[in-house]
């Protein structure tokens, strides 16, 4: 399948890529954001939030994957979080004097350089801080806002991440990126394959959350009834486009790792979910449900393949 190049929701991987470049990673050997996204394992698994009636074509526990990707690459960094506003800003100022700093999760509702921020309250995000000035930071935001400014007052509101469900602490930053024993691309893939398999096979998460094939079947059942407006909008504007991008990148990633059977299954899922995007926009939700059921059947085969490794 032809690789996809274009807009997408890879805020952490794009920010990590920029942070590593700013910390001296050789551009010619630094993996692309698409490759980094697969190393986080975020493209794999499924999550249905029953109470909120929201679906994500990825498994939870994103912070583990975001920490693990740096380790898998053979790099290290300093992870800091918590404390008062003054402590957090002091850490950020000190770190930004030496190299770019990756911060997040953030609440996008307070990123006031973004004209759509008021409608994004509660949406998680990651950005790169280039410098900390007297009363503001200069940032690269991979959402499409390079070299913009954010006043400290708004930064701190966003950085507290109080409405981000998975955040464990406020004011999380990653800095001082440095290589320890850089791995080859094949070594990176081999290191993360067991994590991918475990994520595919996990069907039960926290209370109120369903994963794996069961989550897909539950989504299909919901789509055959009255589809809530918030779920429809979430699927069409975010979850489905991101899922297709994830599947396209994941199949290329596994194909590079000589896992052709799994790659073929992911490519089939990408094509089905691409069809689901069109059908959803046409409001033919029964067709979307049928396509999701087909994705679930392929997911069962993918899980079986992962068990055989």
Protein backbone atom coordinates (compact mmCIF):
# COMPACT_ATOMS: atom_id res chain seq x y z
CA UNK A 1 0.00 0.00 0.00
CA UNK A 2 1.26 3.48 -0.88
CA UNK A 3 2.38 5.33 2.29
CA UNK A 4 0.22 8.26 3.37
CA UNK A 5 1.83 11.69 3.64
CA UNK A 6 -0.33 14.53 4.90
CA UNK A 7 -2.19 15.88 7.89
CA UNK A 8 -2.85 13.67 10.87
CA UNK A 9 -3.22 13.55 14.63
CA UNK A 10 0.30 12.38 15.49
CA UNK A 11 0.98 15.17 18.00
CA UNK A 12 3.24 13.16 20.34
CA UNK A 13 5.25 11.46 17.60
CA UNK A 14 5.67 14.70 15.64
CA UNK A 15 6.74 16.49 18.82
CA UNK A 16 9.14 13.68 19.74
CA UNK A 17 10.65 13.78 16.26
CA UNK A 18 11.26 17.54 16.56
CA UNK A 19 12.65 17.15 20.08
CA UNK A 20 15.11 14.47 19.01
CA UNK A 21 16.24 16.57 16.05
CA UNK A 22 16.74 19.52 18.36
CA UNK A 23 18.78 17.30 20.67
CA UNK A 24 21.23 16.30 17.97
CA UNK A 25 19.72 13.16 16.44
CA UNK A 26 21.12 12.66 12.91
CA UNK A 27 18.34 13.56 10.46
CA UNK A 28 19.37 10.81 8.04
CA UNK A 29 18.85 8.04 10.61
CA UNK A 30 16.02 9.44 12.72
CA UNK A 31 12.81 7.43 12.12
CA UNK A 32 9.83 9.30 10.72
CA UNK A 33 6.90 10.26 12.98
CA UNK A 34 4.90 7.43 11.39
CA UNK A 35 7.54 4.90 12.47
CA UNK A 36 7.72 6.46 15.95
CA UNK A 37 3.93 6.26 16.27
CA UNK A 38 4.10 2.51 15.71
CA UNK A 39 6.85 2.16 18.31
CA UNK A 40 4.49 3.64 20.90
CA UNK A 41 2.02 0.78 20.09
CA UNK A 42 -0.76 3.41 20.02
CA UNK A 43 -1.99 2.23 16.56
CA UNK A 44 -2.89 -1.20 17.95
CA UNK A 45 -5.89 -2.40 19.96
CA UNK A 46 -9.33 -0.89 20.54
CA UNK A 47 -11.16 0.86 23.36
CA UNK A 48 -14.88 1.37 23.91
CA UNK A 49 -15.82 3.76 26.74
CA UNK A 50 -19.26 2.48 27.67
CA UNK A 51 -20.45 5.35 29.86
CA UNK A 52 -19.29 8.07 27.48
CA UNK A 53 -20.26 6.08 24.36
CA UNK A 54 -16.96 6.87 22.67
CA UNK A 55 -14.74 4.55 20.65
CA UNK A 56 -11.01 4.66 19.92
CA UNK A 57 -9.29 2.35 17.44
CA UNK A 58 -6.34 2.07 19.82
CA UNK A 59 -5.68 0.70 23.27
CA UNK A 60 -5.34 2.86 26.39
CA UNK A 61 -2.30 3.42 28.63
CA UNK A 62 -0.68 5.88 26.19
CA UNK A 63 1.87 7.24 28.67
CA UNK A 64 3.54 3.82 28.96
CA UNK A 65 4.00 3.67 25.19
CA UNK A 66 5.27 7.23 25.03
CA UNK A 67 7.95 6.46 27.60
CA UNK A 68 8.79 3.06 26.13
CA UNK A 69 9.40 4.36 22.59
CA UNK A 70 12.43 6.35 23.76
CA UNK A 71 13.83 3.29 25.51
CA UNK A 72 13.23 1.08 22.45
CA UNK A 73 15.19 3.55 20.30
CA UNK A 74 18.17 3.27 22.61
CA UNK A 75 17.78 6.83 23.88
CA UNK A 76 17.00 8.30 27.28
CA UNK A 77 15.49 11.54 28.52
CA UNK A 78 14.59 13.29 31.75
CA UNK A 79 10.88 13.03 32.63
CA UNK A 80 9.61 15.53 35.21
CA UNK A 81 6.14 16.40 36.43
CA UNK A 82 4.07 17.68 39.35
CA UNK A 83 4.83 20.44 41.80
CA UNK A 84 3.58 24.00 41.91
CA UNK A 85 3.21 26.35 38.95
CA UNK A 86 6.43 28.10 39.96
CA UNK A 87 8.35 24.83 40.17
CA UNK A 88 7.02 23.70 36.79
CA UNK A 89 7.96 26.96 35.07
CA UNK A 90 11.39 26.87 36.71
CA UNK A 91 12.03 23.35 35.35
CA UNK A 92 10.83 24.39 31.92
CA UNK A 93 13.02 27.51 31.82
CA UNK A 94 16.09 25.54 32.87
CA UNK A 95 15.56 22.74 30.36
CA UNK A 96 14.70 25.03 27.43
CA UNK A 97 18.05 26.80 27.78
CA UNK A 98 19.76 23.68 26.44
CA UNK A 99 17.40 22.07 23.92
CA UNK A 100 13.73 21.87 22.93
CA UNK A 101 11.37 20.47 25.58
CA UNK A 102 8.45 18.13 24.83
CA UNK A 103 5.50 18.96 27.09
CA UNK A 104 2.15 17.28 27.57
CA UNK A 105 -0.43 16.07 27.84
CA UNK A 106 -2.03 19.49 27.49
CA UNK A 107 -5.67 20.54 27.34
CA UNK A 108 -6.08 22.03 23.85
CA UNK A 109 -8.87 24.29 25.09
CA UNK A 110 -6.28 26.70 26.52
CA UNK A 111 -3.91 26.84 23.54
CA UNK A 112 -5.03 30.36 22.68
CA UNK A 113 -2.99 30.76 19.48
CA UNK A 114 -5.35 28.18 17.95
CA UNK A 115 -8.58 29.88 16.76
CA UNK A 116 -10.54 26.67 17.40
CA UNK A 117 -9.29 26.28 20.99
CA UNK A 118 -12.66 27.09 22.64
CA UNK A 119 -14.21 24.03 20.98
CA UNK A 120 -11.32 21.74 21.98
CA UNK A 121 -11.62 21.83 25.77
CA UNK A 122 -10.72 18.40 27.14
CA UNK A 123 -8.81 17.22 24.04
CA UNK A 124 -5.25 16.07 24.79
CA UNK A 125 -2.21 17.36 22.94
CA UNK A 126 1.61 17.56 22.93
CA UNK A 127 3.84 20.42 21.77
CA UNK A 128 7.52 21.42 21.74
CA UNK A 129 8.79 24.42 23.70
CA UNK A 130 11.59 26.20 21.87
CA UNK A 131 12.25 28.89 24.48
CA UNK A 132 10.82 30.40 27.65
CA UNK A 133 10.73 34.19 27.55
CA UNK A 134 9.76 36.72 30.22
CA UNK A 135 6.01 36.07 30.14
CA UNK A 136 5.45 33.48 27.42
CA UNK A 137 6.86 30.42 25.67
CA UNK A 138 7.69 30.04 22.00
CA UNK A 139 6.44 26.70 20.69
CA UNK A 140 6.17 24.44 17.68
CA UNK A 141 2.67 22.94 17.72
CA UNK A 142 2.42 20.02 15.25
CA UNK A 143 -1.26 20.79 14.76
CA UNK A 144 -0.13 23.43 12.27
CA UNK A 145 1.24 26.31 14.35
CA UNK A 146 5.04 26.62 14.10
CA UNK A 147 7.03 29.14 16.12
CA UNK A 148 4.02 30.67 17.85
CA UNK A 149 3.72 32.10 21.36
CA UNK A 150 1.65 31.12 24.37
CA UNK A 151 1.39 33.27 27.52
CA UNK A 152 2.39 31.55 30.75
CA UNK A 153 -1.14 31.96 32.15
CA UNK A 154 -2.64 29.93 29.29
CA UNK A 155 0.26 27.48 29.22
CA UNK A 156 -0.26 26.58 32.88
CA UNK A 157 -4.00 26.09 32.44
CA UNK A 158 -3.37 23.78 29.49
CA UNK A 159 -0.46 22.02 31.15
CA UNK A 160 -2.41 21.14 34.29
CA UNK A 161 -4.35 18.77 32.00
CA UNK A 162 -7.10 18.45 34.58
CA UNK A 163 -9.65 17.14 32.07
CA UNK A 164 -7.28 14.67 30.40
CA UNK A 165 -8.45 11.29 31.67
CA UNK A 166 -5.16 9.40 31.37
CA UNK A 167 -2.84 11.99 32.84
CA UNK A 168 -1.30 10.95 36.16
CA UNK A 169 0.32 14.29 37.04
CA UNK A 170 0.22 17.89 35.86
CA UNK A 171 3.11 19.69 34.15
CA UNK A 172 4.74 16.65 32.50
CA UNK A 173 7.84 17.48 30.45
CA UNK A 174 10.49 15.44 28.67
CA UNK A 175 13.90 16.98 28.11
CA UNK A 176 17.63 16.26 27.91
CA UNK A 177 17.19 13.65 25.17
CA UNK A 178 20.42 11.77 24.51
CA UNK A 179 21.46 8.50 22.87
CA UNK A 180 22.63 5.63 25.05
CA UNK A 181 22.93 2.76 22.56
CA UNK A 182 20.96 3.66 19.42
CA UNK A 183 19.16 0.72 17.85
CA UNK A 184 18.73 -0.14 14.18
CA UNK A 185 15.26 -0.01 12.65
CA UNK A 186 15.02 -3.83 12.70
CA UNK A 187 16.08 -3.93 16.35
CA UNK A 188 13.40 -1.38 17.22
CA UNK A 189 10.71 -3.41 15.46
CA UNK A 190 11.82 -6.64 17.12
CA UNK A 191 11.77 -4.99 20.56
CA UNK A 192 8.23 -3.66 20.22
CA UNK A 193 6.54 -6.67 18.56
CA UNK A 194 5.85 -8.42 21.94
CA UNK A 195 4.25 -5.21 23.25
CA UNK A 196 2.06 -5.00 20.13
CA UNK A 197 0.91 -8.60 20.56
CA UNK A 198 0.04 -8.06 24.21
CA UNK A 199 -1.97 -4.95 23.36
CA UNK A 200 -3.92 -6.71 20.60
CA UNK A 201 -4.83 -9.58 22.92
CA UNK A 202 -6.00 -7.49 25.88
CA UNK A 203 -9.80 -7.23 25.95
CA UNK A 204 -10.49 -5.94 29.44
CA UNK A 205 -9.13 -2.65 30.69
CA UNK A 206 -10.43 -0.52 33.55
CA UNK A 207 -14.08 -0.59 34.70
CA UNK A 208 -16.30 0.90 32.01
CA UNK A 209 -13.78 0.18 29.28
CA UNK A 210 -13.88 -2.73 26.80
CA UNK A 211 -11.01 -3.59 24.47
CA UNK A 212 -10.09 -5.85 21.59
CA UNK A 213 -12.59 -7.58 19.35
CA UNK A 214 -15.34 -7.17 21.94
CA UNK A 215 -15.02 -3.38 21.64
CA UNK A 216 -15.42 -3.55 17.86
CA UNK A 217 -18.49 -5.78 18.16
CA UNK A 218 -19.99 -3.39 20.70
CA UNK A 219 -19.40 -0.43 18.38
CA UNK A 220 -21.10 -2.25 15.49
CA UNK A 221 -24.10 -2.99 17.72
CA UNK A 222 -24.36 0.69 18.71
CA UNK A 223 -24.18 1.81 15.08
CA UNK A 224 -27.15 -0.40 14.17
CA UNK A 225 -29.31 1.48 16.68
CA UNK A 226 -29.77 5.24 17.10
CA UNK A 227 -26.26 6.68 16.69
CA UNK A 228 -25.59 9.43 19.26
CA UNK A 229 -24.58 12.70 17.61
CA UNK A 230 -21.47 13.02 19.75
CA UNK A 231 -20.32 9.51 18.73
CA UNK A 232 -20.99 10.18 15.04
CA UNK A 233 -18.99 13.42 15.13
CA UNK A 234 -16.19 11.76 17.09
CA UNK A 235 -15.92 8.93 14.58
CA UNK A 236 -16.07 11.07 11.43
CA UNK A 237 -13.85 13.96 12.52
CA UNK A 238 -11.30 12.08 14.61
CA UNK A 239 -11.45 8.36 15.32
CA UNK A 240 -11.96 6.94 11.82
CA UNK A 241 -9.46 9.17 9.95
CA UNK A 242 -6.86 8.50 12.63
CA UNK A 243 -7.60 4.77 12.58
CA UNK A 244 -7.05 4.54 8.83
CA UNK A 245 -3.78 6.47 9.13
CA UNK A 246 -2.70 4.15 11.94
CA UNK A 247 -3.50 1.02 9.94
CA UNK A 248 -1.66 2.30 6.85
CA UNK A 249 1.44 3.13 8.87
CA UNK A 250 1.25 -0.04 10.95
CA UNK A 251 1.09 -2.31 7.93
CA UNK A 252 4.22 -0.66 6.48
CA UNK A 253 5.93 -0.94 9.87
CA UNK A 254 5.22 -4.67 10.23
CA UNK A 255 6.04 -5.33 6.58
CA UNK A 256 9.46 -3.79 7.16
CA UNK A 257 9.81 -6.19 10.08
CA UNK A 258 9.08 -9.13 7.73
CA UNK A 259 5.69 -9.78 9.34
CA UNK A 260 3.84 -9.92 6.05
CA UNK A 261 0.77 -11.86 7.21
CA UNK A 262 -0.03 -9.35 9.94
CA UNK A 263 0.73 -6.48 7.55
CA UNK A 264 -1.73 -7.85 4.98
CA UNK A 265 -4.47 -8.01 7.63
CA UNK A 266 -3.85 -4.41 8.69
CA UNK A 267 -4.00 -3.29 5.07
CA UNK A 268 -7.39 -4.95 4.72
CA UNK A 269 -8.58 -3.14 7.83
CA UNK A 270 -7.33 0.19 6.47
CA UNK A 271 -9.38 -0.24 3.30
CA UNK A 272 -12.52 -1.21 5.24
CA UNK A 273 -12.22 1.72 7.64
CA UNK A 274 -11.65 4.06 4.71
CA UNK A 275 -14.96 2.86 3.31
CA UNK A 276 -16.55 3.36 6.73
CA UNK A 277 -15.48 7.00 6.70
CA UNK A 278 -17.36 7.60 3.44
CA UNK A 279 -20.42 5.64 4.52
CA UNK A 280 -20.59 7.53 7.81
CA UNK A 281 -20.52 10.91 6.09
CA UNK A 282 -23.44 9.67 3.96
CA UNK A 283 -25.24 8.71 7.21
CA UNK A 284 -25.54 5.06 6.17
CA UNK A 285 -24.63 3.82 9.63
CA UNK A 286 -25.85 0.28 9.01
CA UNK A 287 -23.19 0.02 6.30
CA UNK A 288 -20.60 1.36 8.74
CA UNK A 289 -21.67 -1.30 11.25
CA UNK A 290 -21.21 -4.05 8.66
CA UNK A 291 -17.74 -2.75 7.81
CA UNK A 292 -16.79 -2.61 11.51
CA UNK A 293 -17.91 -6.22 11.92
CA UNK A 294 -15.61 -7.17 9.04
CA UNK A 295 -12.78 -5.28 10.77
CA UNK A 296 -13.55 -7.28 13.94
CA UNK A 297 -13.28 -10.59 12.07
CA UNK A 298 -9.90 -9.55 10.69
CA UNK A 299 -8.86 -8.42 14.18
CA UNK A 300 -9.51 -11.98 15.42
CA UNK A 301 -7.17 -13.29 12.73
CA UNK A 302 -4.59 -10.64 13.64
CA UNK A 303 -4.71 -11.70 17.28
CA UNK A 304 -4.27 -15.33 16.23
CA UNK A 305 -1.21 -14.37 14.18
CA UNK A 306 0.24 -12.48 17.15
CA UNK A 307 -0.16 -15.55 19.37
CA UNK A 308 1.82 -17.67 16.91
CA UNK A 309 4.95 -15.55 17.38
